[in-house]
């Protein structure tokens, strides 16, 4: 990571490992789908409860990529205003965008953790396999908390980078 406004330290490394785990989860989902289709075609025996497992593993898999996407700033940004506001104004826009992203992801993480707590409290389970839902959503919430930490690092790095470039 070569940008001056990219966080460094343990969080980018952890984010990379989480993304690798997410890739393994995505590969597992793909293989399960292939196995399900093959079993349906050959033996007329689908994998019971696969849709339940895929929905929970899928949510966890998607969430595992979020910290890395925050750290590497891999989300869409539209910079058409930069020409209008100049260098200093675009630096403030970058800070503002990093802050808004942090607030939004924090709100989503908070609500996911509230939902996970409700799933734990109610003992909610999947319909076919009777798997507890709470732990899966708690994992998704924890990954979003890590995404919040990553975005906080981006915000801090953006503010430091902007401060250094305006001082120069």
Protein backbone atom coordinates (compact mmCIF):
# COMPACT_ATOMS: atom_id res chain seq x y z
CA UNK A 1 0.00 0.00 0.00
CA UNK A 2 1.71 3.07 -1.24
CA UNK A 3 -0.74 5.89 -0.55
CA UNK A 4 0.21 8.32 2.19
CA UNK A 5 -3.35 8.28 3.51
CA UNK A 6 -3.55 4.49 3.90
CA UNK A 7 -3.43 3.01 7.41
CA UNK A 8 -0.48 0.83 8.35
CA UNK A 9 0.16 -1.68 11.11
CA UNK A 10 -1.69 -4.80 12.22
CA UNK A 11 -5.13 -3.92 10.83
CA UNK A 12 -4.22 -4.03 7.13
CA UNK A 13 -2.53 -7.40 7.65
CA UNK A 14 -5.52 -8.77 9.56
CA UNK A 15 -7.81 -7.40 6.87
CA UNK A 16 -5.85 -9.29 4.22
CA UNK A 17 -6.13 -12.55 6.17
CA UNK A 18 -9.86 -12.03 6.66
CA UNK A 19 -10.26 -11.48 2.92
CA UNK A 20 -8.35 -14.72 2.27
CA UNK A 21 -10.72 -16.49 4.67
CA UNK A 22 -13.61 -14.88 2.79
CA UNK A 23 -12.21 -16.21 -0.46
CA UNK A 24 -12.09 -19.68 1.09
CA UNK A 25 -15.72 -19.25 2.16
CA UNK A 26 -16.68 -18.15 -1.33
CA UNK A 27 -14.89 -21.16 -2.78
CA UNK A 28 -16.71 -23.42 -0.32
CA UNK A 29 -20.06 -21.95 -1.32
CA UNK A 30 -19.23 -22.51 -4.99
CA UNK A 31 -18.20 -26.11 -4.40
CA UNK A 32 -21.34 -26.76 -2.36
CA UNK A 33 -23.49 -25.42 -5.21
CA UNK A 34 -21.68 -27.65 -7.71
CA UNK A 35 -22.14 -30.65 -5.41
CA UNK A 36 -25.82 -29.83 -4.92
CA UNK A 37 -26.42 -29.57 -8.67
CA UNK A 38 -24.51 -32.80 -9.32
CA UNK A 39 -26.43 -34.68 -6.61
CA UNK A 40 -29.73 -33.35 -7.91
CA UNK A 41 -28.90 -34.38 -11.47
CA UNK A 42 -27.34 -37.77 -10.73
CA UNK A 43 -29.29 -39.05 -7.72
CA UNK A 44 -32.23 -36.66 -7.35
CA UNK A 45 -30.86 -36.00 -3.82
CA UNK A 46 -30.14 -32.32 -3.14
CA UNK A 47 -28.15 -31.19 -0.12
CA UNK A 48 -30.81 -30.51 2.50
CA UNK A 49 -30.50 -27.13 4.16
CA UNK A 50 -27.87 -25.86 1.75
CA UNK A 51 -29.74 -22.59 1.24
CA UNK A 52 -29.71 -22.00 5.00
CA UNK A 53 -26.00 -22.62 5.27
CA UNK A 54 -25.27 -20.52 2.19
CA UNK A 55 -27.21 -17.54 3.49
CA UNK A 56 -25.31 -17.54 6.79
CA UNK A 57 -21.90 -18.35 5.32
CA UNK A 58 -22.56 -15.88 2.51
CA UNK A 59 -23.22 -13.04 4.93
CA UNK A 60 -20.05 -13.84 6.85
CA UNK A 61 -18.08 -14.18 3.62
CA UNK A 62 -19.21 -10.82 2.28
CA UNK A 63 -18.48 -9.13 5.60
CA UNK A 64 -14.97 -10.61 5.65
CA UNK A 65 -14.02 -8.46 2.65
CA UNK A 66 -15.21 -5.16 4.18
CA UNK A 67 -12.20 -4.38 6.42
CA UNK A 68 -9.81 -4.77 3.47
CA UNK A 69 -12.00 -2.67 1.21
CA UNK A 70 -11.92 0.07 3.84
CA UNK A 71 -8.17 -0.11 4.39
CA UNK A 72 -7.39 -0.07 0.67
CA UNK A 73 -10.09 2.51 -0.05
CA UNK A 74 -11.54 0.27 -2.73
CA UNK A 75 -14.98 1.82 -2.75
CA UNK A 76 -16.35 4.11 -5.39
CA UNK A 77 -15.48 7.77 -5.10
CA UNK A 78 -16.56 10.53 -7.40
CA UNK A 79 -14.15 13.42 -7.55
CA UNK A 80 -15.81 15.78 -10.02
CA UNK A 81 -15.93 18.55 -7.40
CA UNK A 82 -12.14 18.56 -6.97
CA UNK A 83 -11.69 20.96 -9.91
CA UNK A 84 -14.23 23.36 -8.43
CA UNK A 85 -12.96 23.42 -4.85
CA UNK A 86 -9.20 23.25 -5.44
CA UNK A 87 -6.59 21.28 -3.55
CA UNK A 88 -7.48 22.41 -0.05
CA UNK A 89 -11.21 21.95 -0.66
CA UNK A 90 -10.69 18.47 -2.11
CA UNK A 91 -8.68 17.53 0.99
CA UNK A 92 -11.62 18.60 3.14
CA UNK A 93 -13.98 16.61 0.92
CA UNK A 94 -11.76 13.53 1.38
CA UNK A 95 -11.88 13.99 5.15
CA UNK A 96 -15.64 14.48 5.07
CA UNK A 97 -16.16 11.39 2.90
CA UNK A 98 -13.99 9.31 5.25
CA UNK A 99 -16.01 10.58 8.22
CA UNK A 100 -19.39 9.91 6.59
CA UNK A 101 -18.26 6.40 5.64
CA UNK A 102 -17.14 5.77 9.22
CA UNK A 103 -20.46 6.98 10.63
CA UNK A 104 -22.49 4.90 8.16
CA UNK A 105 -20.53 1.67 8.70
CA UNK A 106 -20.64 2.26 12.47
CA UNK A 107 -24.44 2.55 12.37
CA UNK A 108 -24.75 -0.63 10.31
CA UNK A 109 -22.38 -2.49 12.67
CA UNK A 110 -24.32 -1.30 15.70
CA UNK A 111 -27.65 -2.43 14.25
CA UNK A 112 -26.20 -5.79 13.21
CA UNK A 113 -24.93 -6.37 16.73
CA UNK A 114 -28.35 -5.43 18.12
CA UNK A 115 -29.92 -7.93 15.69
CA UNK A 116 -27.39 -10.63 16.63
CA UNK A 117 -28.15 -10.08 20.33
CA UNK A 118 -31.86 -10.50 19.59
CA UNK A 119 -31.12 -13.72 17.71
CA UNK A 120 -29.13 -15.00 20.70
CA UNK A 121 -31.85 -13.99 23.17
CA UNK A 122 -34.67 -15.55 21.21
CA UNK A 123 -32.71 -18.71 20.40
CA UNK A 124 -33.59 -18.26 16.71
CA UNK A 125 -32.60 -21.23 14.55
CA UNK A 126 -32.72 -22.12 10.90
CA UNK A 127 -35.79 -23.99 9.79
CA UNK A 128 -34.33 -27.20 8.33
CA UNK A 129 -30.96 -27.72 10.04
CA UNK A 130 -31.88 -26.02 13.33
CA UNK A 131 -28.60 -24.08 13.36
CA UNK A 132 -28.37 -21.17 15.78
CA UNK A 133 -28.44 -17.90 13.85
CA UNK A 134 -27.06 -15.59 16.54
CA UNK A 135 -23.41 -16.65 16.34
CA UNK A 136 -23.31 -16.12 12.58
CA UNK A 137 -24.70 -12.60 12.81
CA UNK A 138 -22.43 -11.82 15.74
CA UNK A 139 -19.53 -12.78 13.48
CA UNK A 140 -20.82 -10.47 10.76
CA UNK A 141 -21.17 -7.69 13.33
CA UNK A 142 -17.63 -8.28 14.60
CA UNK A 143 -16.30 -8.04 11.04
CA UNK A 144 -18.16 -4.77 10.60
CA UNK A 145 -16.61 -3.48 13.82
CA UNK A 146 -13.23 -4.29 12.29
CA UNK A 147 -14.33 -2.45 9.15
CA UNK A 148 -15.13 0.54 11.38
CA UNK A 149 -11.65 0.38 12.90
CA UNK A 150 -10.18 0.21 9.41
CA UNK A 151 -12.21 3.21 8.32
CA UNK A 152 -11.16 5.09 11.45
CA UNK A 153 -7.56 4.39 10.42
CA UNK A 154 -8.35 5.75 6.95
CA UNK A 155 -9.88 8.87 8.47
CA UNK A 156 -6.85 9.46 10.70
CA UNK A 157 -4.42 8.78 7.85
CA UNK A 158 -6.40 11.10 5.56
CA UNK A 159 -6.31 13.90 8.13
CA UNK A 160 -2.57 13.43 8.70
CA UNK A 161 -1.83 13.27 5.00
CA UNK A 162 -3.90 16.38 4.33
CA UNK A 163 -2.24 18.23 7.22
CA UNK A 164 1.24 17.38 5.89
CA UNK A 165 0.41 18.43 2.36
CA UNK A 166 -1.07 21.77 3.45
CA UNK A 167 1.98 22.47 5.64
CA UNK A 168 4.37 21.90 2.75
